[in-house]
Amino acid sequence: MSYRMIWVIVLLGPVICWALMRPAIGSDAVVESGMTIKSEWQIANRFIQPNDIFSKPITQSPKPAKPAPSGSNVVVRSESPINQSWILNPALSKACSQGHFRQAVQHHLVGIFQKSVYGAAVGGHASLIDRRQLAKENVVYVFKGQGTTNCRVYHRNA
């Protein structure tokens, strides 16, 4: 085989494959109640958007409230959002992002605000790792996003 023949195969191979698959591009399968599903070739080759699989929009049901993880102890329960009744502490949030202020065991103590579950810890208690001694005694701290650089720590007025 010569180099010219190899180049012809390399250059024309994708065109030949495309020509063989061409009939599948426009074909749609019709399913019950007038919905159409795009061809498998289109789905595999990403010619459609995520919501284009069915011609009618698919509605999703709202997510139910997450229960507290099993083995957790609920220390705070509130129907109001966390940012309304609790204070965001920037210094503690920065220390949490750096790993210096965090829960000893993730979600051992939890706070439930509306439908969201957050980790919690108590100042001066074994549930809190406080390397810089920033916590006040017997104050409940709620952690949002612990273990990330976007960790937020909330507390109540003491």
C-alpha atoms as a PDB file:
ATOM      1  CA  MET A   1       0.000   0.000   0.000  1.00  0.00           C
ATOM      2  CA  SER A   2       1.360   3.379  -0.910  1.00  0.00           C
ATOM      3  CA  TYR A   3       1.303   6.510   1.175  1.00  0.00           C
ATOM      4  CA  ARG A   4      -1.115   8.137  -1.273  1.00  0.00           C
ATOM      5  CA  MET A   5      -3.628   5.354  -0.784  1.00  0.00           C
ATOM      6  CA  ILE A   6      -3.366   5.667   3.014  1.00  0.00           C
ATOM      7  CA  TRP A   7      -4.001   9.412   2.786  1.00  0.00           C
ATOM      8  CA  VAL A   8      -7.063   8.821   0.606  1.00  0.00           C
ATOM      9  CA  ILE A   9      -8.458   6.391   3.182  1.00  0.00           C
ATOM     10  CA  VAL A  10      -7.702   8.763   6.058  1.00  0.00           C
ATOM     11  CA  LEU A  11      -9.271  11.745   4.320  1.00  0.00           C
ATOM     12  CA  LEU A  12     -12.276  10.009   2.767  1.00  0.00           C
ATOM     13  CA  GLY A  13     -13.052   7.641   5.648  1.00  0.00           C
ATOM     14  CA  PRO A  14     -15.133  10.153   7.671  1.00  0.00           C
ATOM     15  CA  VAL A  15     -16.967  11.307   4.534  1.00  0.00           C
ATOM     16  CA  ILE A  16     -17.904   7.753   3.618  1.00  0.00           C
ATOM     17  CA  CYS A  17     -19.094   7.055   7.168  1.00  0.00           C
ATOM     18  CA  TRP A  18     -21.156  10.249   7.128  1.00  0.00           C
ATOM     19  CA  ALA A  19     -22.728   9.304   3.805  1.00  0.00           C
ATOM     20  CA  LEU A  20     -23.692   5.885   5.135  1.00  0.00           C
ATOM     21  CA  MET A  21     -25.287   7.381   8.258  1.00  0.00           C
ATOM     22  CA  ARG A  22     -27.044  10.207   6.371  1.00  0.00           C
ATOM     23  CA  PRO A  23     -30.479   8.527   6.077  1.00  0.00           C
ATOM     24  CA  ALA A  24     -30.717   8.321   9.877  1.00  0.00           C
ATOM     25  CA  ILE A  25     -30.217  12.073  10.352  1.00  0.00           C
ATOM     26  CA  GLY A  26     -33.743  13.179   9.475  1.00  0.00           C
ATOM     27  CA  SER A  27     -35.687  10.124  10.588  1.00  0.00           C
ATOM     28  CA  ASP A  28     -37.749  10.464  13.728  1.00  0.00           C
ATOM     29  CA  ALA A  29     -39.654   7.718  15.482  1.00  0.00           C
ATOM     30  CA  VAL A  30     -43.247   8.479  16.401  1.00  0.00           C
ATOM     31  CA  VAL A  31     -44.404   7.388  19.833  1.00  0.00           C
ATOM     32  CA  GLU A  32     -47.748   7.578  21.604  1.00  0.00           C
ATOM     33  CA  SER A  33     -49.689  10.850  21.739  1.00  0.00           C
ATOM     34  CA  GLY A  34     -47.753  12.525  18.942  1.00  0.00           C
ATOM     35  CA  MET A  35     -44.359  12.785  20.673  1.00  0.00           C
ATOM     36  CA  THR A  36     -41.312  12.160  18.516  1.00  0.00           C
ATOM     37  CA  ILE A  37     -37.955  10.804  19.575  1.00  0.00           C
ATOM     38  CA  LYS A  38     -34.893  11.856  17.636  1.00  0.00           C
ATOM     39  CA  SER A  39     -32.809   9.145  15.999  1.00  0.00           C
ATOM     40  CA  GLU A  40     -30.145   7.341  18.004  1.00  0.00           C
ATOM     41  CA  TRP A  41     -27.476   8.688  15.676  1.00  0.00           C
ATOM     42  CA  GLN A  42     -28.447  12.277  16.518  1.00  0.00           C
ATOM     43  CA  ILE A  43     -28.432  11.559  20.233  1.00  0.00           C
ATOM     44  CA  ALA A  44     -25.067   9.787  20.101  1.00  0.00           C
ATOM     45  CA  ASN A  45     -23.474  12.567  18.048  1.00  0.00           C
ATOM     46  CA  ARG A  46     -24.942  15.416  20.124  1.00  0.00           C
ATOM     47  CA  PHE A  47     -26.828  17.171  17.339  1.00  0.00           C
ATOM     48  CA  ILE A  48     -29.705  17.916  19.702  1.00  0.00           C
ATOM     49  CA  GLN A  49     -30.070  19.815  22.950  1.00  0.00           C
ATOM     50  CA  PRO A  50     -30.965  18.059  26.232  1.00  0.00           C
ATOM     51  CA  ASN A  51     -34.628  19.087  26.050  1.00  0.00           C
ATOM     52  CA  ASP A  52     -35.015  18.112  22.377  1.00  0.00           C
ATOM     53  CA  ILE A  53     -35.367  14.362  22.934  1.00  0.00           C
ATOM     54  CA  PHE A  54     -39.137  14.744  23.154  1.00  0.00           C
ATOM     55  CA  SER A  55     -40.979  17.342  21.155  1.00  0.00           C
ATOM     56  CA  LYS A  56     -43.226  18.092  24.158  1.00  0.00           C
ATOM     57  CA  PRO A  57     -41.561  19.567  27.271  1.00  0.00           C
ATOM     58  CA  ILE A  58     -41.110  17.261  30.234  1.00  0.00           C
ATOM     59  CA  THR A  59     -42.053  18.755  33.579  1.00  0.00           C
ATOM     60  CA  GLN A  60     -40.269  17.669  36.722  1.00  0.00           C
ATOM     61  CA  SER A  61     -41.931  17.398  40.088  1.00  0.00           C
ATOM     62  CA  PRO A  62     -40.459  19.570  42.861  1.00  0.00           C
ATOM     63  CA  LYS A  63     -37.907  17.887  45.092  1.00  0.00           C
ATOM     64  CA  PRO A  64     -39.211  16.760  48.473  1.00  0.00           C
ATOM     65  CA  ALA A  65     -37.594  18.000  51.659  1.00  0.00           C
ATOM     66  CA  LYS A  66     -34.387  16.167  52.537  1.00  0.00           C
ATOM     67  CA  PRO A  67     -34.609  14.319  55.832  1.00  0.00           C
ATOM     68  CA  ALA A  68     -31.775  14.620  58.323  1.00  0.00           C
ATOM     69  CA  PRO A  69     -29.143  11.911  57.802  1.00  0.00           C
ATOM     70  CA  SER A  70     -29.673   8.835  59.942  1.00  0.00           C
ATOM     71  CA  GLY A  71     -27.842   9.052  63.256  1.00  0.00           C
ATOM     72  CA  SER A  72     -28.014  12.863  63.297  1.00  0.00           C
ATOM     73  CA  ASN A  73     -29.188  14.908  66.249  1.00  0.00           C
ATOM     74  CA  VAL A  74     -31.317  17.933  65.360  1.00  0.00           C
ATOM     75  CA  VAL A  75     -30.250  20.915  67.493  1.00  0.00           C
ATOM     76  CA  VAL A  76     -32.055  23.670  65.559  1.00  0.00           C
ATOM     77  CA  ARG A  77     -35.323  23.579  63.626  1.00  0.00           C
ATOM     78  CA  SER A  78     -36.781  26.694  62.000  1.00  0.00           C
ATOM     79  CA  GLU A  79     -39.387  27.481  59.354  1.00  0.00           C
ATOM     80  CA  SER A  80     -37.612  30.699  58.356  1.00  0.00           C
ATOM     81  CA  PRO A  81     -34.614  30.798  55.987  1.00  0.00           C
ATOM     82  CA  ILE A  82     -31.185  30.647  57.609  1.00  0.00           C
ATOM     83  CA  ASN A  83     -30.159  34.117  56.422  1.00  0.00           C
ATOM     84  CA  GLN A  84     -33.190  35.780  58.058  1.00  0.00           C
ATOM     85  CA  SER A  85     -32.886  34.566  61.638  1.00  0.00           C
ATOM     86  CA  TRP A  86     -29.146  33.838  61.834  1.00  0.00           C
ATOM     87  CA  ILE A  87     -26.055  36.017  61.321  1.00  0.00           C
ATOM     88  CA  LEU A  88     -23.370  35.208  58.747  1.00  0.00           C
ATOM     89  CA  ASN A  89     -19.936  35.494  60.375  1.00  0.00           C
ATOM     90  CA  PRO A  90     -17.252  36.352  57.752  1.00  0.00           C
ATOM     91  CA  ALA A  91     -14.284  35.571  60.046  1.00  0.00           C
ATOM     92  CA  LEU A  92     -15.627  32.136  60.958  1.00  0.00           C
ATOM     93  CA  SER A  93     -16.570  31.492  57.319  1.00  0.00           C
ATOM     94  CA  LYS A  94     -12.998  32.202  56.236  1.00  0.00           C
ATOM     95  CA  ALA A  95     -11.622  29.923  58.961  1.00  0.00           C
ATOM     96  CA  CYS A  96     -14.079  27.216  57.857  1.00  0.00           C
ATOM     97  CA  SER A  97     -12.925  27.556  54.236  1.00  0.00           C
ATOM     98  CA  GLN A  98      -9.353  27.035  55.421  1.00  0.00           C
ATOM     99  CA  GLY A  99     -10.346  24.017  57.564  1.00  0.00           C
ATOM    100  CA  HIS A 100      -9.589  25.652  60.947  1.00  0.00           C
ATOM    101  CA  PHE A 101     -13.225  25.921  62.119  1.00  0.00           C
ATOM    102  CA  ARG A 102     -15.440  22.930  61.331  1.00  0.00           C
ATOM    103  CA  GLN A 103     -17.558  20.104  62.644  1.00  0.00           C
ATOM    104  CA  ALA A 104     -15.681  17.202  64.169  1.00  0.00           C
ATOM    105  CA  VAL A 105     -18.082  14.717  62.525  1.00  0.00           C
ATOM    106  CA  GLN A 106     -19.966  15.915  59.464  1.00  0.00           C
ATOM    107  CA  HIS A 107     -23.739  16.098  60.117  1.00  0.00           C
ATOM    108  CA  HIS A 108     -23.569  14.526  63.591  1.00  0.00           C
ATOM    109  CA  LEU A 109     -25.470  17.596  64.766  1.00  0.00           C
ATOM    110  CA  VAL A 110     -27.763  19.290  62.238  1.00  0.00           C
ATOM    111  CA  GLY A 111     -29.934  22.354  61.870  1.00  0.00           C
ATOM    112  CA  ILE A 112     -33.045  22.239  59.683  1.00  0.00           C
ATOM    113  CA  PHE A 113     -34.169  25.518  58.094  1.00  0.00           C
ATOM    114  CA  GLN A 114     -37.289  25.328  55.931  1.00  0.00           C
ATOM    115  CA  LYS A 115     -36.508  22.292  53.745  1.00  0.00           C
ATOM    116  CA  SER A 116     -32.704  22.434  53.965  1.00  0.00           C
ATOM    117  CA  VAL A 117     -30.450  20.454  56.298  1.00  0.00           C
ATOM    118  CA  TYR A 118     -27.164  22.011  57.452  1.00  0.00           C
ATOM    119  CA  GLY A 119     -24.421  20.742  59.717  1.00  0.00           C
ATOM    120  CA  ALA A 120     -24.216  22.261  63.199  1.00  0.00           C
ATOM    121  CA  ALA A 121     -21.777  22.387  66.110  1.00  0.00           C
ATOM    122  CA  VAL A 122     -21.710  23.908  69.605  1.00  0.00           C
ATOM    123  CA  GLY A 123     -18.910  26.158  70.881  1.00  0.00           C
ATOM    124  CA  GLY A 124     -16.832  24.531  73.623  1.00  0.00           C
ATOM    125  CA  HIS A 125     -18.240  21.105  72.746  1.00  0.00           C
ATOM    126  CA  ALA A 126     -16.535  18.059  71.208  1.00  0.00           C
ATOM    127  CA  SER A 127     -18.650  18.530  68.073  1.00  0.00           C
ATOM    128  CA  LEU A 128     -16.502  21.510  66.993  1.00  0.00           C
ATOM    129  CA  ILE A 129     -12.893  21.663  65.820  1.00  0.00           C
ATOM    130  CA  ASP A 130     -11.708  25.206  66.571  1.00  0.00           C
ATOM    131  CA  ARG A 131      -7.939  25.459  66.055  1.00  0.00           C
ATOM    132  CA  ARG A 132      -7.821  29.251  66.491  1.00  0.00           C
ATOM    133  CA  GLN A 133     -10.149  29.392  69.528  1.00  0.00           C
ATOM    134  CA  LEU A 134     -12.704  31.593  67.699  1.00  0.00           C
ATOM    135  CA  ALA A 135     -15.878  30.021  69.120  1.00  0.00           C
ATOM    136  CA  LYS A 136     -17.878  31.323  72.062  1.00  0.00           C
ATOM    137  CA  GLU A 137     -18.967  28.905  74.769  1.00  0.00           C
ATOM    138  CA  ASN A 138     -22.393  27.224  74.222  1.00  0.00           C
ATOM    139  CA  VAL A 139     -23.165  29.091  70.991  1.00  0.00           C
ATOM    140  CA  VAL A 140     -24.685  27.005  68.188  1.00  0.00           C
ATOM    141  CA  TYR A 141     -22.916  27.380  64.823  1.00  0.00           C
ATOM    142  CA  VAL A 142     -24.521  26.243  61.561  1.00  0.00           C
ATOM    143  CA  PHE A 143     -22.316  25.285  58.597  1.00  0.00           C
ATOM    144  CA  LYS A 144     -23.358  25.686  54.972  1.00  0.00           C
ATOM    145  CA  GLY A 145     -20.934  24.124  52.480  1.00  0.00           C
ATOM    146  CA  GLN A 146     -18.404  22.737  54.951  1.00  0.00           C
ATOM    147  CA  GLY A 147     -15.397  21.203  53.220  1.00  0.00           C
ATOM    148  CA  THR A 148     -15.532  23.687  50.348  1.00  0.00           C
ATOM    149  CA  THR A 149     -13.887  27.044  49.763  1.00  0.00           C
ATOM    150  CA  ASN A 150     -17.378  28.555  49.850  1.00  0.00           C
ATOM    151  CA  CYS A 151     -18.092  27.495  53.449  1.00  0.00           C
ATOM    152  CA  ARG A 152     -20.481  29.789  55.346  1.00  0.00           C
ATOM    153  CA  VAL A 153     -20.867  29.813  59.128  1.00  0.00           C
ATOM    154  CA  TYR A 154     -23.969  31.252  60.781  1.00  0.00           C
ATOM    155  CA  HIS A 155     -24.732  31.864  64.460  1.00  0.00           C
ATOM    156  CA  ARG A 156     -27.439  33.512  66.523  1.00  0.00           C
ATOM    157  CA  ASN A 157     -27.090  36.746  68.480  1.00  0.00           C
ATOM    158  CA  ALA A 158     -25.217  35.845  71.618  1.00  0.00           C
END
